[in-house]
Amino acid sequence: MVIPCIDLMGGKVVQLIQGQKKALEADEPLVMLEKFAAFPEIQVVDLDQAMGKGSNDSIVRKLSAHATVRVGGGVRSVDRAKTLIESGATKVIVGTATFSSSGVNHEFLSKLAAAIGPQKILPALDSRNGKIVVKGWQEITAFSAENVIREIEPYCEGFMCTYVDKEGMLEGTDLDWFRKLRGATSHEITAAGGITTLDDIRHLQHLNIHAALGMAIYTGKLNLTELAEL
């Protein structure tokens, strides 16, 4: 499955390079949603929430009401996750709260799974230089995705995995890394970060991995019609 991304910052749809430098602004959120109408699921991330710099909740609610969306960004409490689900999100992406200073945050994940169900939880295993990054990708942990993925499996049915090293750079992704992750879990995996060509997507499909796409769509590197056919 191909999943277009709508990343929100300051009420606008944006694309960042490696989660830091803003590269572009796109059309209004609902306009982008209409452009993505042919796709079965959309990924919406509130970057302001992720970085602790504000909120785009009203926009997230509108998008959730008009399409099948998975939502992430600042989901660090059970109440926040429940609110997103009640607002129409089909799944929530949980990054920072998945981990504590000592490792996997079992207490939080257990409460979250009990509250909304494992099928609605997508832990984010976003990695830079081989280590998981949290707090809007601003803080590096001591953990690697391939070493903790099995430990998190009981609380979810899928993972959101971003190769941050290549995010937004249009240089291709690291298929070897995703191959390692595929070998580490039988759960659903969604890949992101540097996916630039149809060949990238086909390689991921061969691994039974979904592709979440941002920069390649917004810059026209990938054609929406061709992607919808995939």
Protein backbone atom coordinates (compact mmCIF):
# COMPACT_ATOMS: atom_id res chain seq x y z
CA MET A 1 0.00 0.00 0.00
CA VAL A 2 1.12 3.53 -0.82
CA ILE A 3 0.27 6.08 1.88
CA PRO A 4 0.57 9.81 1.09
CA CYS A 5 1.63 12.02 3.99
CA ILE A 6 0.24 15.33 5.19
CA ASP A 7 2.65 16.95 7.65
CA LEU A 8 1.30 19.99 9.48
CA MET A 9 3.20 22.96 10.87
CA GLY A 10 1.68 26.31 11.75
CA GLY A 11 -1.57 25.35 10.07
CA LYS A 12 0.16 24.61 6.76
CA VAL A 13 1.12 21.45 4.90
CA VAL A 14 4.91 21.30 4.83
CA GLN A 15 7.81 19.04 4.04
CA LEU A 16 10.96 19.04 6.14
CA ILE A 17 14.44 17.71 5.44
CA GLN A 18 15.47 15.26 8.18
CA GLY A 19 12.78 16.71 10.40
CA GLN A 20 14.57 20.05 10.72
CA LYS A 21 14.74 22.35 7.68
CA LYS A 22 11.49 23.32 5.98
CA ALA A 23 11.83 22.61 2.28
CA LEU A 24 8.40 23.58 1.00
CA GLU A 25 4.79 24.47 1.73
CA ALA A 26 1.98 22.80 -0.19
CA ASP A 27 -1.71 23.48 -0.79
CA GLU A 28 -4.23 23.78 2.02
CA PRO A 29 -4.74 20.55 4.02
CA LEU A 30 -8.21 19.76 2.66
CA VAL A 31 -7.02 20.47 -0.89
CA MET A 32 -4.19 17.98 -0.43
CA LEU A 33 -6.64 15.48 1.02
CA GLU A 34 -8.75 15.81 -2.12
CA LYS A 35 -5.69 15.22 -4.29
CA PHE A 36 -5.05 12.01 -2.34
CA ALA A 37 -8.63 10.75 -2.68
CA ALA A 38 -7.59 7.68 -4.72
CA PHE A 39 -5.54 6.27 -1.84
CA PRO A 40 -7.13 4.07 0.85
CA GLU A 41 -5.28 5.65 3.77
CA ILE A 42 -3.53 8.95 4.52
CA GLN A 43 -0.87 9.67 7.13
CA VAL A 44 -1.27 12.93 9.06
CA VAL A 45 1.47 14.15 11.39
CA ASP A 46 1.20 17.26 13.57
CA LEU A 47 4.81 18.42 13.60
CA ASP A 48 4.08 21.22 16.05
CA GLN A 49 2.73 18.70 18.56
CA ALA A 50 5.71 16.42 17.96
CA MET A 51 8.14 19.23 18.72
CA GLY A 52 6.11 20.65 21.60
CA LYS A 53 5.61 23.95 19.78
CA GLY A 54 1.86 24.14 19.32
CA SER A 55 -1.07 22.24 17.88
CA ASN A 56 -2.98 21.71 14.64
CA ASP A 57 -5.80 19.77 16.29
CA SER A 58 -8.62 21.54 14.46
CA ILE A 59 -7.09 20.62 11.09
CA VAL A 60 -6.42 17.05 12.21
CA ARG A 61 -10.09 16.70 13.19
CA LYS A 62 -11.23 17.98 9.79
CA LEU A 63 -8.94 15.59 7.93
CA SER A 64 -10.01 12.67 10.14
CA ALA A 65 -13.65 13.42 9.38
CA HIS A 66 -13.13 13.27 5.61
CA ALA A 67 -10.79 10.30 5.08
CA THR A 68 -9.23 7.20 6.56
CA VAL A 69 -6.23 8.60 8.39
CA ARG A 70 -3.49 7.48 10.73
CA VAL A 71 -2.39 10.33 12.97
CA GLY A 72 0.87 11.04 14.76
CA GLY A 73 2.71 13.86 16.43
CA GLY A 74 2.85 14.40 20.16
CA VAL A 75 0.84 11.31 21.13
CA ARG A 76 2.40 10.99 24.58
CA SER A 77 -0.60 10.12 26.72
CA VAL A 78 -3.47 7.64 26.64
CA ASP A 79 -5.96 10.50 26.75
CA ARG A 80 -4.42 12.13 23.67
CA ALA A 81 -4.57 8.85 21.76
CA LYS A 82 -8.19 8.30 22.77
CA THR A 83 -9.11 11.84 21.69
CA LEU A 84 -7.58 11.26 18.25
CA ILE A 85 -9.44 7.97 17.81
CA GLU A 86 -12.70 9.59 18.95
CA SER A 87 -12.05 12.37 16.42
CA GLY A 88 -11.95 9.83 13.60
CA ALA A 89 -8.36 8.60 13.34
CA THR A 90 -8.21 4.89 12.56
CA LYS A 91 -4.70 4.50 14.04
CA VAL A 92 -2.34 6.58 16.15
CA ILE A 93 1.41 6.78 15.64
CA VAL A 94 3.26 6.77 18.95
CA GLY A 95 6.95 7.64 19.06
CA THR A 96 8.42 9.33 22.13
CA ALA A 97 6.09 7.70 24.65
CA THR A 98 6.99 4.23 23.36
CA PHE A 99 10.30 4.54 25.19
CA SER A 100 11.61 5.42 28.62
CA SER A 101 15.21 6.16 29.55
CA SER A 102 15.77 2.46 30.23
CA GLY A 103 14.07 1.00 27.16
CA VAL A 104 10.58 0.11 25.99
CA ASN A 105 7.88 1.83 28.06
CA HIS A 106 5.84 -1.27 28.81
CA GLU A 107 3.60 0.46 31.36
CA PHE A 108 2.45 3.12 28.90
CA LEU A 109 2.04 0.74 25.96
CA SER A 110 0.06 -1.70 28.08
CA LYS A 111 -2.36 1.04 29.18
CA LEU A 112 -2.63 2.34 25.63
CA ALA A 113 -3.39 -1.09 24.18
CA ALA A 114 -6.06 -1.64 26.82
CA ALA A 115 -7.62 1.74 26.06
CA ILE A 116 -7.78 1.73 22.24
CA GLY A 117 -6.71 -1.75 21.16
CA PRO A 118 -3.41 -2.98 19.66
CA GLN A 119 -4.84 -2.80 16.14
CA LYS A 120 -5.01 1.00 16.42
CA ILE A 121 -1.43 1.53 17.63
CA LEU A 122 1.55 2.19 15.33
CA PRO A 123 4.76 2.58 17.35
CA ALA A 124 7.22 4.81 15.52
CA LEU A 125 10.70 3.34 15.19
CA ASP A 126 12.27 6.38 13.55
CA SER A 127 16.04 6.01 13.28
CA ARG A 128 19.07 8.18 12.60
CA ASN A 129 22.61 6.76 12.51
CA GLY A 130 21.20 3.42 13.59
CA LYS A 131 19.48 4.72 16.75
CA ILE A 132 15.85 5.53 17.42
CA VAL A 133 15.13 9.26 17.68
CA VAL A 134 12.26 10.82 19.65
CA LYS A 135 10.77 14.22 20.57
CA GLY A 136 10.26 15.30 17.00
CA TRP A 137 13.50 13.53 16.01
CA GLN A 138 15.45 15.98 18.17
CA GLU A 139 16.67 13.47 20.78
CA ILE A 140 18.66 10.29 20.12
CA THR A 141 18.05 7.20 22.26
CA ALA A 142 20.40 4.32 22.96
CA PHE A 143 18.14 1.79 21.23
CA SER A 144 18.09 0.39 17.72
CA ALA A 145 14.84 -0.48 15.98
CA GLU A 146 15.84 -4.03 15.09
CA ASN A 147 16.72 -4.80 18.73
CA VAL A 148 13.47 -3.56 20.32
CA ILE A 149 10.88 -4.35 17.69
CA ARG A 150 9.99 -7.80 19.03
CA GLU A 151 9.64 -6.42 22.55
CA ILE A 152 6.97 -3.99 21.32
CA GLU A 153 5.02 -6.52 19.24
CA PRO A 154 2.47 -7.48 21.95
CA TYR A 155 1.10 -3.93 22.04
CA CYS A 156 0.46 -3.38 18.33
CA GLU A 157 -0.17 -4.94 14.94
CA GLY A 158 2.18 -2.74 12.94
CA PHE A 159 5.10 -0.30 13.02
CA MET A 160 5.88 3.07 11.45
CA CYS A 161 9.58 3.07 10.56
CA THR A 162 11.30 6.17 9.18
CA TYR A 163 14.89 6.18 7.95
CA VAL A 164 15.55 9.73 9.12
CA ASP A 165 19.04 9.91 7.58
CA LYS A 166 17.43 10.22 4.14
CA GLU A 167 14.13 11.90 5.06
CA GLY A 168 13.19 14.59 2.55
CA MET A 169 16.46 14.33 0.63
CA LEU A 170 15.17 12.53 -2.50
CA GLU A 171 18.24 10.30 -2.53
CA GLY A 172 16.54 6.94 -2.10
CA THR A 173 16.11 5.02 1.13
CA ASP A 174 18.07 2.24 2.86
CA LEU A 175 16.42 -0.96 1.65
CA ASP A 176 18.90 -3.06 3.63
CA TRP A 177 17.65 -1.50 6.86
CA PHE A 178 14.05 -2.24 5.99
CA ARG A 179 15.06 -5.77 5.02
CA LYS A 180 16.51 -6.22 8.53
CA LEU A 181 13.31 -4.94 10.10
CA ARG A 182 11.23 -7.25 7.92
CA GLY A 183 13.34 -10.15 9.16
CA ALA A 184 12.81 -9.08 12.76
CA THR A 185 8.99 -9.03 12.81
CA SER A 186 5.98 -10.50 11.06
CA HIS A 187 3.89 -7.43 11.97
CA GLU A 188 2.88 -4.86 9.36
CA ILE A 189 5.62 -2.33 8.57
CA THR A 190 5.23 1.07 6.96
CA ALA A 191 8.45 2.55 5.60
CA ALA A 192 9.30 6.23 5.18
CA GLY A 193 12.37 8.34 4.66
CA GLY A 194 13.95 8.97 1.26
CA ILE A 195 11.59 6.83 -0.82
CA THR A 196 12.02 8.48 -4.20
CA THR A 197 11.32 6.11 -7.10
CA LEU A 198 8.81 3.51 -8.21
CA ASP A 199 11.62 0.96 -7.91
CA ASP A 200 12.01 1.88 -4.21
CA ILE A 201 8.32 1.21 -3.70
CA ARG A 202 8.37 -2.05 -5.66
CA HIS A 203 11.33 -3.31 -3.60
CA LEU A 204 9.40 -2.49 -0.43
CA GLN A 205 6.28 -4.17 -1.77
CA HIS A 206 8.36 -7.28 -2.47
CA LEU A 207 9.26 -7.21 1.24
CA ASN A 208 5.57 -6.79 2.12
CA ILE A 209 6.23 -3.28 3.45
CA HIS A 210 3.97 -0.26 2.90
CA ALA A 211 5.43 3.02 1.65
CA ALA A 212 4.57 6.37 3.24
CA LEU A 213 5.46 9.14 0.80
CA GLY A 214 6.05 12.84 1.26
CA MET A 215 8.72 14.84 -0.54
CA ALA A 216 8.71 12.69 -3.69
CA ILE A 217 5.01 13.42 -4.14
CA TYR A 218 5.14 17.11 -3.32
CA THR A 219 8.03 17.79 -5.69
CA GLY A 220 6.48 15.77 -8.52
CA LYS A 221 9.19 13.10 -8.53
CA LEU A 222 6.43 10.55 -8.24
CA ASN A 223 3.14 10.79 -10.13
CA LEU A 224 -0.08 10.38 -8.11
CA THR A 225 -1.84 8.48 -10.90
CA GLU A 226 0.97 5.94 -11.20
CA LEU A 227 1.14 5.61 -7.41
CA ALA A 228 -2.59 4.99 -7.14
CA GLU A 229 -2.26 2.14 -9.63
CA LEU A 230 0.34 0.53 -7.37
